[in-house]
Amino acid sequence: MNKDRLVIINAPSSLEEMLVDCLLTLESEHGFSSFPVNAHHHENKGLSLAEQVSGRQKQICFQIHIDEDGSKFLLKRLQEDFSGAGIQYWVLPMLGSSEI
C-alpha cells in the first residue's frame, strides 16, 4: 500500500515566510507548492470588517507530497511552532504521482 501523503495547509498570509522556512527544512524529494487562496469559514474570528462583509479571507495554501512518517513529523512540528496561529490542514492519501 502506498504510504505517500498530500498535506494541504491553509494559513494566514502573515505566516508565509515562516512556513516556507519550515517546509524547506523537511527536504521532501518532491518539493512543495504554494499559492494564494480565499478561505471561507463560518467563524468571523480574526477577520477584518472587509473580510467579514466579503465572506472571504486571503490566505496562503501549501501542498506538499511527503511520506506518512514525514507527514506526522510535519504536523507535530506545526503544532509545536504555530500553536494557536489559525492554520488549517488536511492529510490525504496519494493515489498516484509522476512527472510527465
Protein backbone atom coordinates (compact mmCIF):
# COMPACT_ATOMS: atom_id res chain seq x y z
CA MET A 1 0.00 0.00 0.00
CA ASN A 2 1.24 3.47 -0.90
CA LYS A 3 2.31 5.38 2.22
CA ASP A 4 2.69 8.74 0.47
CA ARG A 5 0.51 11.64 1.58
CA LEU A 6 -0.58 15.01 0.27
CA VAL A 7 -0.62 17.54 3.09
CA ILE A 8 -2.60 20.71 2.36
CA ILE A 9 -2.08 23.68 4.65
CA ASN A 10 -4.08 26.93 4.68
CA ALA A 11 -2.53 29.64 6.80
CA PRO A 12 -2.73 33.38 7.35
CA SER A 13 -0.61 35.21 4.76
CA SER A 14 1.49 36.72 7.55
CA LEU A 15 2.95 33.24 8.23
CA GLU A 16 4.07 32.59 4.64
CA GLU A 17 7.82 33.10 5.09
CA MET A 18 7.98 31.18 8.37
CA LEU A 19 6.06 28.26 6.82
CA VAL A 20 8.28 28.26 3.73
CA ASP A 21 11.32 28.03 6.02
CA CYS A 22 9.68 25.20 7.99
CA LEU A 23 8.78 23.21 4.87
CA LEU A 24 12.22 23.70 3.32
CA THR A 25 13.82 22.00 6.34
CA LEU A 26 11.87 18.81 5.59
CA GLU A 27 13.86 18.23 2.39
CA SER A 28 10.99 16.44 0.67
CA GLU A 29 12.17 14.89 -2.59
CA HIS A 30 9.02 16.20 -4.27
CA GLY A 31 9.25 19.80 -3.06
CA PHE A 32 6.06 21.73 -2.35
CA SER A 33 3.75 24.28 -3.90
CA SER A 34 2.33 27.49 -2.51
CA PHE A 35 -0.31 29.84 -3.82
CA PRO A 36 -2.74 32.49 -2.56
CA VAL A 37 -6.27 31.33 -1.74
CA ASN A 38 -9.52 32.82 -0.48
CA ALA A 39 -10.55 30.97 2.66
CA HIS A 40 -14.23 30.82 3.60
CA HIS A 41 -15.30 29.89 7.11
CA HIS A 42 -18.41 30.30 9.21
CA GLU A 43 -16.45 31.81 12.11
CA ASN A 44 -15.54 35.50 11.87
CA LYS A 45 -12.74 35.14 14.39
CA GLY A 46 -9.75 37.31 13.42
CA LEU A 47 -11.37 38.71 10.26
CA SER A 48 -11.25 42.36 9.34
CA LEU A 49 -14.53 44.17 8.72
CA ALA A 50 -13.94 43.98 4.94
CA GLU A 51 -13.30 40.22 5.18
CA GLN A 52 -16.47 39.75 7.21
CA VAL A 53 -18.50 41.63 4.59
CA SER A 54 -16.95 39.79 1.63
CA GLY A 55 -17.12 36.39 3.33
CA ARG A 56 -13.53 35.53 2.45
CA GLN A 57 -10.08 35.87 3.91
CA LYS A 58 -6.89 35.96 1.86
CA GLN A 59 -4.57 33.18 2.96
CA ILE A 60 -1.65 31.17 1.63
CA CYS A 61 -2.03 27.50 0.71
CA PHE A 62 0.79 24.96 0.69
CA GLN A 63 0.67 21.48 -0.81
CA ILE A 64 3.43 19.03 0.00
CA HIS A 65 3.84 15.44 -1.19
CA ILE A 66 5.51 13.56 1.65
CA ASP A 67 5.64 10.07 3.11
CA GLU A 68 3.47 9.04 6.07
CA ASP A 69 6.21 9.44 8.68
CA GLY A 70 7.15 12.82 7.23
CA SER A 71 3.54 13.99 7.43
CA LYS A 72 3.35 13.02 11.10
CA PHE A 73 6.61 14.85 11.78
CA LEU A 74 5.37 17.92 9.89
CA LEU A 75 2.08 18.09 11.81
CA LYS A 76 3.87 17.68 15.14
CA ARG A 77 6.26 20.49 14.19
CA LEU A 78 3.41 22.77 13.08
CA GLN A 79 1.61 22.16 16.38
CA GLU A 80 4.77 22.98 18.33
CA ASP A 81 5.85 26.03 16.33
CA PHE A 82 2.49 27.52 15.28
CA SER A 83 0.05 26.61 18.06
CA GLY A 84 -2.95 28.96 18.02
CA ALA A 85 -1.96 30.54 14.67
CA GLY A 86 -5.17 29.59 12.86
CA ILE A 87 -3.58 27.08 10.47
CA GLN A 88 -5.89 24.51 8.90
CA TYR A 89 -4.59 21.30 7.35
CA TRP A 90 -5.76 18.20 5.54
CA VAL A 91 -3.84 14.95 5.02
CA LEU A 92 -4.86 12.84 2.02
CA PRO A 93 -3.53 9.51 0.75
CA MET A 94 -1.72 9.82 -2.58
CA LEU A 95 -3.31 7.57 -5.19
CA GLY A 96 -0.54 8.23 -7.66
CA SER A 97 2.07 10.72 -8.78
CA SER A 98 4.54 11.06 -11.57
CA GLU A 99 6.24 13.55 -13.79
CA ILE A 100 5.22 13.97 -17.43
